[in-house]
Amino acid sequence: MLRAALIGLPSVGKTTLFQLMTSSKEGGAKPRGDTTIGVSHVPDQRLDRLTAMFRPRKRVPATVEFIDLAGARTGSTQDLVDVAPYRSADALVHVLRLFRDASVAHSAGSIDAARDARQVEDELVLADLGVAERRIERLQKDMKKGAVAEMEHELAVLERCRAALEDSTPIRALALPADDQKPLRGFQFLSAKPLLLVLNLDEADAGSLDRAAELAGLTPFLEGAATRAVGVCGRIELEIAQLDPDEASAFMADLGVSESGLDRVIRTSYDLLGYVSFFTVGEDECRAWSIPRDTRAQAAAGEIHSDIERGFIRAEVVSYDDLIAAGSLAACKERGLTRLEGKDYLVRDGDVVNFRFAT
């Protein structure tokens, strides 16, 4: 399951947004030590249409797990540096305050999202710099006893990271190739993680959600690698959460908003991490499965069950668009739209797949 950790300064609406994204889902949010963990469904109209077509007994969407640091008194990165779920998260979601409320003081005394984004980014960089420097020192000592190629490679990558961090540049901005990322995985650098900025706006600005980053002066910040932004309005999301689906749709239409801001956060988190969905369908279940982009068919089969991966023979594949246009799997076969693919086939977003395997 994909995991995203929420960070942010005090009084920005972080915990409120976390509760809204997770409390309506089955099981809700659950405290685990220093953190609270909640699961959100990835909105996908394709799964809705497949469910309407097959009328299965069960519908299972893709999910993202969100992590909130319970009881954090400050927005300092020091609150989360030693918290394992934050270090092991796949991405960071930084909630920034743009709403104005005289009754809720900002920790810095004024509203400035660009300043706040830079402050937290600098803290991520400093935290990672300390980790990199300690590892470099240890490597240099060990290499005096006899250097090996792996150690030399790790040292070279870490020295490149240290130089960037000393220049206040996050590791994610280096866009390191896979071979250079491998020796860094164990360190779980915070500034290497993809970053989603969630801009919490005033109700009066609800019509400007798509321009939130521009209005907040964050456009230059988003020029870095693996960084996105999405606008929400926490107060409006609270109102939407209290309505039934039809009323919520009508309310959003009145505001000129096509979808819930929380759905935008969930979907953007999923996309930011480079994940796509393939589907399995039938009378028993229609389900969306999460896989990294460019995953091979045999590995994708393993997402369903390790036995299917081990016994993989072929994958029967039809694109979502072709299935919807044809109206049924049988019609797809009659029209030659269904393909048999081998283990090295790169599963595409929207593929509807049936795996053939030996038991």
Protein backbone atom coordinates (compact mmCIF):
# COMPACT_ATOMS: atom_id res chain seq x y z
CA MET A 1 0.00 0.00 0.00
CA LEU A 2 1.18 3.51 -0.80
CA ARG A 3 2.02 5.57 2.29
CA ALA A 4 2.03 9.37 2.56
CA ALA A 5 2.95 11.31 5.70
CA LEU A 6 1.37 14.68 6.54
CA ILE A 7 3.58 17.49 7.80
CA GLY A 8 2.97 21.17 8.49
CA LEU A 9 3.27 24.03 10.94
CA PRO A 10 0.72 24.34 13.78
CA SER A 11 -2.80 25.65 13.03
CA VAL A 12 -2.71 25.00 9.28
CA GLY A 13 -5.60 22.48 9.24
CA LYS A 14 -3.39 19.40 8.80
CA THR A 15 -5.12 17.13 11.28
CA THR A 16 -8.58 18.28 10.19
CA LEU A 17 -7.79 17.39 6.58
CA PHE A 18 -6.35 14.05 7.68
CA GLN A 19 -9.50 13.21 9.60
CA LEU A 20 -11.70 14.20 6.67
CA MET A 21 -9.73 12.06 4.23
CA THR A 22 -9.77 8.97 6.43
CA SER A 23 -12.67 9.04 8.89
CA SER A 24 -15.34 8.28 6.29
CA LYS A 25 -13.52 5.17 5.13
CA GLU A 26 -14.08 1.71 6.52
CA GLY A 27 -12.19 1.31 9.80
CA GLY A 28 -11.41 5.03 10.04
CA ALA A 29 -8.14 6.34 11.42
CA LYS A 30 -6.33 4.38 14.12
CA PRO A 31 -3.65 5.57 16.57
CA ARG A 32 -0.37 3.65 16.42
CA GLY A 33 2.15 4.88 18.93
CA ASP A 34 3.20 8.42 18.05
CA THR A 35 1.17 8.45 14.85
CA THR A 36 -2.37 8.04 13.58
CA ILE A 37 -2.84 5.93 10.47
CA GLY A 38 -5.79 6.19 8.10
CA VAL A 39 -6.66 4.78 4.69
CA SER A 40 -8.24 6.69 1.81
CA HIS A 41 -9.74 5.29 -1.38
CA VAL A 42 -8.29 6.57 -4.66
CA PRO A 43 -11.22 8.07 -6.63
CA ASP A 44 -11.48 6.42 -10.05
CA GLN A 45 -14.50 6.78 -12.32
CA ARG A 46 -13.24 3.85 -14.40
CA LEU A 47 -13.80 1.48 -11.48
CA ASP A 48 -17.28 2.95 -11.04
CA ARG A 49 -18.16 2.17 -14.67
CA LEU A 50 -16.70 -1.33 -14.51
CA THR A 51 -18.70 -1.98 -11.36
CA ALA A 52 -21.88 -0.83 -13.13
CA MET A 53 -21.04 -3.13 -16.07
CA PHE A 54 -20.28 -6.31 -14.09
CA ARG A 55 -22.46 -5.72 -11.00
CA PRO A 56 -20.05 -7.63 -8.73
CA ARG A 57 -20.71 -8.59 -5.14
CA LYS A 58 -17.68 -6.53 -4.11
CA ARG A 59 -16.01 -3.32 -5.31
CA VAL A 60 -12.43 -2.68 -4.13
CA PRO A 61 -10.69 0.62 -5.02
CA ALA A 62 -6.99 1.36 -4.86
CA THR A 63 -5.91 2.93 -1.57
CA VAL A 64 -3.40 5.35 -0.07
CA GLU A 65 -2.41 5.21 3.60
CA PHE A 66 -1.99 8.59 5.29
CA ILE A 67 0.05 9.14 8.45
CA ASP A 68 -0.44 12.00 10.91
CA LEU A 69 1.92 12.70 13.81
CA ALA A 70 -0.23 12.67 16.95
CA GLY A 71 0.28 15.45 19.46
CA ALA A 72 2.95 17.38 17.57
CA ARG A 73 3.35 20.73 19.31
CA THR A 74 5.40 22.40 16.63
CA GLY A 75 5.81 22.06 12.91
CA SER A 76 9.50 21.30 13.30
CA THR A 77 10.87 18.42 11.29
CA GLN A 78 12.52 17.32 14.53
CA ASP A 79 9.08 16.08 15.56
CA LEU A 80 9.19 13.44 12.85
CA VAL A 81 12.87 12.74 12.17
CA ASP A 82 12.96 9.78 14.55
CA VAL A 83 9.39 8.56 13.93
CA ALA A 84 9.71 5.37 11.87
CA PRO A 85 6.41 5.67 9.92
CA TYR A 86 7.50 9.08 8.62
CA ARG A 87 10.91 7.87 7.56
CA SER A 88 9.37 4.88 5.79
CA ALA A 89 6.62 6.87 4.02
CA ASP A 90 6.66 6.94 0.23
CA ALA A 91 5.87 10.67 0.06
CA LEU A 92 5.39 13.77 2.21
CA VAL A 93 2.22 15.88 2.13
CA HIS A 94 2.94 19.39 3.41
CA VAL A 95 -0.21 21.30 4.40
CA LEU A 96 0.18 25.07 4.02
CA ARG A 97 -2.16 27.69 5.41
CA LEU A 98 -3.65 30.31 3.13
CA PHE A 99 -6.91 30.85 5.02
CA ARG A 100 -7.31 33.90 7.22
CA ASP A 101 -8.82 33.55 10.68
CA ALA A 102 -8.11 36.11 13.40
CA SER A 103 -9.17 33.61 16.08
CA VAL A 104 -6.48 31.11 15.01
CA ALA A 105 -3.03 32.66 15.22
CA HIS A 106 -0.33 31.58 12.76
CA SER A 107 2.86 30.39 14.46
CA ALA A 108 4.91 32.92 12.45
CA GLY A 109 2.45 35.77 13.01
CA SER A 110 1.39 36.18 9.37
CA ILE A 111 0.12 34.19 6.39
CA ASP A 112 2.91 33.44 3.89
CA ALA A 113 2.75 30.01 2.29
CA ALA A 114 5.97 30.44 0.29
CA ARG A 115 7.89 31.29 3.47
CA ASP A 116 6.39 28.32 5.32
CA ALA A 117 7.15 25.92 2.47
CA ARG A 118 10.77 27.03 2.41
CA GLN A 119 11.09 26.83 6.22
CA VAL A 120 9.96 23.22 6.37
CA GLU A 121 12.00 22.29 3.29
CA ASP A 122 15.10 23.76 4.96
CA GLU A 123 14.43 21.63 8.05
CA LEU A 124 14.11 18.50 5.93
CA VAL A 125 17.42 19.36 4.26
CA LEU A 126 19.19 19.96 7.59
CA ALA A 127 17.90 16.71 9.04
CA ASP A 128 19.17 14.80 6.00
CA LEU A 129 22.51 16.61 6.04
CA GLY A 130 23.22 15.30 9.53
CA VAL A 131 22.42 11.73 8.43
CA ALA A 132 24.60 12.03 5.31
CA GLU A 133 27.56 13.50 7.19
CA ARG A 134 27.51 10.74 9.82
CA ARG A 135 27.39 8.01 7.17
CA ILE A 136 30.20 9.62 5.13
CA GLU A 137 32.38 9.79 8.23
CA ARG A 138 31.73 6.11 8.98
CA LEU A 139 32.40 5.06 5.38
CA GLN A 140 35.69 6.93 5.26
CA LYS A 141 36.83 5.12 8.42
CA ASP A 142 35.78 1.72 7.07
CA MET A 143 37.46 2.32 3.71
CA LYS A 144 40.82 2.82 5.41
CA LYS A 145 40.63 -0.87 6.29
CA GLY A 146 40.09 -1.77 2.66
CA ALA A 147 37.81 -0.18 0.08
CA VAL A 148 35.36 -2.15 -2.03
CA ALA A 149 33.49 -1.00 -5.12
CA GLU A 150 30.12 -0.84 -3.33
CA MET A 151 31.54 1.40 -0.61
CA GLU A 152 33.22 3.68 -3.14
CA HIS A 153 29.94 4.02 -5.06
CA GLU A 154 27.95 4.76 -1.91
CA LEU A 155 30.50 7.36 -0.80
CA ALA A 156 30.41 9.10 -4.18
CA VAL A 157 26.60 9.27 -4.14
CA LEU A 158 26.51 10.49 -0.54
CA GLU A 159 29.09 13.18 -1.25
CA ARG A 160 26.94 14.40 -4.15
CA CYS A 161 23.93 14.47 -1.81
CA ARG A 162 25.89 16.30 0.88
CA ALA A 163 26.98 18.98 -1.59
CA ALA A 164 23.36 19.53 -2.62
CA LEU A 165 22.12 19.61 0.97
CA GLU A 166 24.82 22.11 1.97
CA ASP A 167 23.48 24.26 -0.88
CA SER A 168 19.94 23.97 0.60
CA THR A 169 18.87 21.70 -2.26
CA PRO A 170 16.66 18.68 -1.43
CA ILE A 171 17.84 15.27 -2.60
CA ARG A 172 14.70 14.81 -4.71
CA ALA A 173 15.90 17.68 -6.92
CA LEU A 174 18.96 15.64 -7.96
CA ALA A 175 16.75 13.18 -9.86
CA LEU A 176 19.28 10.41 -9.21
CA PRO A 177 19.30 7.37 -11.53
CA ALA A 178 18.17 4.04 -10.12
CA ASP A 179 21.73 2.78 -9.58
CA ASP A 180 22.51 5.80 -7.40
CA GLN A 181 19.23 5.61 -5.49
CA LYS A 182 19.86 2.01 -4.41
CA PRO A 183 22.59 2.70 -1.81
CA LEU A 184 20.47 5.51 -0.31
CA ARG A 185 17.31 3.52 0.38
CA GLY A 186 18.28 2.44 3.86
CA PHE A 187 18.72 6.04 5.02
CA GLN A 188 15.13 7.02 4.13
CA PHE A 189 16.11 10.63 3.50
CA LEU A 190 13.14 12.96 4.07
CA SER A 191 14.11 15.47 1.38
CA ALA A 192 14.40 12.64 -1.17
CA LYS A 193 10.71 11.82 -0.91
CA PRO A 194 8.22 13.19 -3.44
CA LEU A 195 6.51 16.27 -1.99
CA LEU A 196 2.88 17.33 -2.33
CA LEU A 197 1.96 20.83 -1.16
CA VAL A 198 -1.67 21.08 -0.02
CA LEU A 199 -2.80 24.70 0.05
CA ASN A 200 -5.62 25.25 2.55
CA LEU A 201 -7.59 28.26 1.24
CA ASP A 202 -10.38 30.55 2.41
CA GLU A 203 -13.96 29.87 1.35
CA ALA A 204 -13.84 33.08 -0.68
CA ASP A 205 -11.00 31.60 -2.76
CA ALA A 206 -12.75 28.28 -3.50
CA GLY A 207 -13.10 29.24 -7.15
CA SER A 208 -9.31 29.64 -7.44
CA LEU A 209 -8.22 26.16 -6.36
CA ASP A 210 -6.44 25.51 -9.65
CA ARG A 211 -4.47 28.76 -9.29
CA ALA A 212 -3.69 28.39 -5.60
CA ALA A 213 0.04 27.77 -6.05
CA GLU A 214 0.39 30.77 -8.36
CA LEU A 215 -1.53 33.05 -5.99
CA ALA A 216 0.62 31.88 -3.07
CA GLY A 217 3.88 32.61 -4.91
CA LEU A 218 4.83 28.93 -5.00
CA THR A 219 5.34 28.51 -8.74
CA PRO A 220 9.19 28.60 -8.47
CA PHE A 221 9.03 26.06 -5.65
CA LEU A 222 7.19 23.64 -7.92
CA GLU A 223 9.87 23.70 -10.60
CA GLY A 224 11.84 21.10 -8.67
CA ALA A 225 11.59 17.37 -9.33
CA ALA A 226 8.79 15.27 -7.80
CA THR A 227 6.94 18.27 -6.37
CA ARG A 228 3.25 19.05 -6.91
CA ALA A 229 0.61 21.32 -5.38
CA VAL A 230 -3.15 21.07 -4.95
CA GLY A 231 -5.61 23.54 -3.48
CA VAL A 232 -8.35 22.69 -0.97
CA CYS A 233 -10.67 24.60 1.32
CA GLY A 234 -10.90 22.87 4.69
CA ARG A 235 -14.06 24.69 5.76
CA ILE A 236 -15.89 23.72 2.56
CA GLU A 237 -14.66 20.13 2.85
CA LEU A 238 -16.20 19.99 6.34
CA GLU A 239 -19.54 21.07 4.87
CA ILE A 240 -19.30 18.55 2.01
CA ALA A 241 -18.54 15.74 4.45
CA GLN A 242 -21.87 16.36 6.24
CA LEU A 243 -23.97 16.07 3.05
CA ASP A 244 -25.29 13.02 1.25
CA PRO A 245 -23.72 12.34 -2.19
CA ASP A 246 -26.44 14.08 -4.25
CA GLU A 247 -26.43 17.16 -2.04
CA ALA A 248 -22.63 17.24 -2.06
CA SER A 249 -22.57 17.13 -5.88
CA ALA A 250 -25.10 19.96 -6.11
CA PHE A 251 -23.16 22.01 -3.55
CA MET A 252 -19.89 21.60 -5.45
CA ALA A 253 -21.62 22.48 -8.72
CA ASP A 254 -22.84 25.73 -7.17
CA LEU A 255 -19.25 26.50 -6.20
CA GLY A 256 -17.97 25.65 -9.68
CA VAL A 257 -15.91 22.77 -8.29
CA SER A 258 -15.89 19.49 -10.24
CA GLU A 259 -14.64 17.24 -7.42
CA SER A 260 -13.87 17.28 -3.71
CA GLY A 261 -10.56 18.88 -2.80
CA LEU A 262 -9.81 15.85 -0.67
CA ASP A 263 -10.26 13.58 -3.69
CA ARG A 264 -7.78 15.82 -5.51
CA VAL A 265 -5.26 15.36 -2.69
CA ILE A 266 -5.68 11.58 -2.71
CA ARG A 267 -5.51 11.25 -6.49
CA THR A 268 -2.54 13.62 -6.81
CA SER A 269 -0.66 11.72 -4.08
CA TYR A 270 -1.18 8.52 -6.06
CA ASP A 271 -0.04 10.10 -9.32
CA LEU A 272 2.93 11.88 -7.69
CA LEU A 273 4.35 8.54 -6.62
CA GLY A 274 4.28 7.31 -10.21
CA TYR A 275 1.63 4.65 -9.63
CA VAL A 276 -1.01 3.43 -12.06
CA SER A 277 -4.02 1.15 -11.72
CA PHE A 278 -4.93 -2.02 -13.53
CA PHE A 279 -8.25 -3.78 -13.00
CA THR A 280 -9.54 -7.28 -12.43
CA VAL A 281 -13.26 -7.74 -13.10
CA GLY A 282 -15.98 -10.33 -12.71
CA GLU A 283 -19.19 -11.22 -10.92
CA ASP A 284 -17.42 -11.72 -7.60
CA GLU A 285 -15.29 -8.57 -7.55
CA CYS A 286 -14.20 -5.53 -9.50
CA ARG A 287 -10.90 -4.26 -8.12
CA ALA A 288 -8.26 -1.63 -8.83
CA TRP A 289 -4.67 -2.71 -8.15
CA SER A 290 -1.82 -0.26 -7.50
CA ILE A 291 1.51 -0.80 -9.25
CA PRO A 292 4.48 1.44 -10.11
CA ARG A 293 4.44 2.65 -13.70
CA ASP A 294 6.29 0.25 -16.09
CA THR A 295 5.70 -2.82 -13.91
CA ARG A 296 6.05 -6.11 -15.83
CA ALA A 297 3.06 -8.43 -16.04
CA GLN A 298 4.53 -11.19 -13.86
CA ALA A 299 5.33 -8.71 -11.07
CA ALA A 300 1.86 -7.18 -11.40
CA ALA A 301 0.39 -10.66 -10.92
CA GLY A 302 2.26 -10.81 -7.62
CA GLU A 303 0.22 -7.88 -6.35
CA ILE A 304 -2.78 -10.19 -6.41
CA HIS A 305 -1.06 -13.27 -4.98
CA SER A 306 2.47 -14.67 -4.89
CA ASP A 307 1.17 -18.00 -6.25
CA ILE A 308 -0.08 -16.25 -9.39
CA GLU A 309 3.33 -14.64 -9.89
CA ARG A 310 5.19 -17.94 -9.45
CA GLY A 311 2.85 -19.84 -11.74
CA PHE A 312 2.45 -17.07 -14.32
CA ILE A 313 1.71 -18.31 -17.85
CA ARG A 314 0.06 -15.46 -19.75
CA ALA A 315 -1.94 -12.31 -19.14
CA GLU A 316 -5.20 -11.73 -21.01
CA VAL A 317 -5.32 -7.97 -21.47
CA VAL A 318 -7.88 -5.52 -22.83
CA SER A 319 -7.75 -1.76 -22.40
CA TYR A 320 -10.43 -0.07 -20.32
CA ASP A 321 -11.47 2.12 -23.26
CA ASP A 322 -11.88 -0.88 -25.57
CA LEU A 323 -13.92 -2.77 -22.96
CA ILE A 324 -16.28 0.15 -22.38
CA ALA A 325 -16.71 0.67 -26.13
CA ALA A 326 -17.35 -3.04 -26.79
CA GLY A 327 -19.67 -3.47 -23.82
CA SER A 328 -18.41 -6.85 -22.60
CA LEU A 329 -15.36 -9.09 -22.40
CA ALA A 330 -17.00 -11.50 -24.84
CA ALA A 331 -17.44 -8.72 -27.40
CA CYS A 332 -13.78 -7.73 -26.95
CA LYS A 333 -12.68 -11.28 -27.80
CA GLU A 334 -14.97 -11.41 -30.83
CA ARG A 335 -13.49 -8.15 -32.14
CA GLY A 336 -9.90 -9.19 -31.49
CA LEU A 337 -9.38 -6.52 -28.83
CA THR A 338 -8.15 -8.97 -26.18
CA ARG A 339 -4.40 -9.68 -26.25
CA LEU A 340 -2.27 -12.44 -24.74
CA GLU A 341 0.85 -10.92 -23.18
CA GLY A 342 3.95 -12.54 -21.68
CA LYS A 343 5.71 -11.97 -18.37
CA ASP A 344 7.74 -8.99 -19.66
CA TYR A 345 4.72 -7.00 -20.86
CA LEU A 346 4.62 -3.55 -19.21
CA VAL A 347 1.18 -3.20 -17.67
CA ARG A 348 -0.48 0.09 -18.65
CA ASP A 349 -2.75 2.33 -16.66
CA GLY A 350 -6.33 1.17 -17.24
CA ASP A 351 -5.51 -2.35 -18.42
CA VAL A 352 -8.17 -4.92 -17.51
CA VAL A 353 -6.24 -8.13 -16.87
CA ASN A 354 -6.97 -11.79 -16.30
CA PHE A 355 -3.86 -13.75 -15.34
CA ARG A 356 -3.45 -17.34 -16.48
CA PHE A 357 -1.26 -19.32 -14.10
CA ALA A 358 -0.32 -22.88 -13.13
CA THR A 359 -1.04 -24.08 -9.61
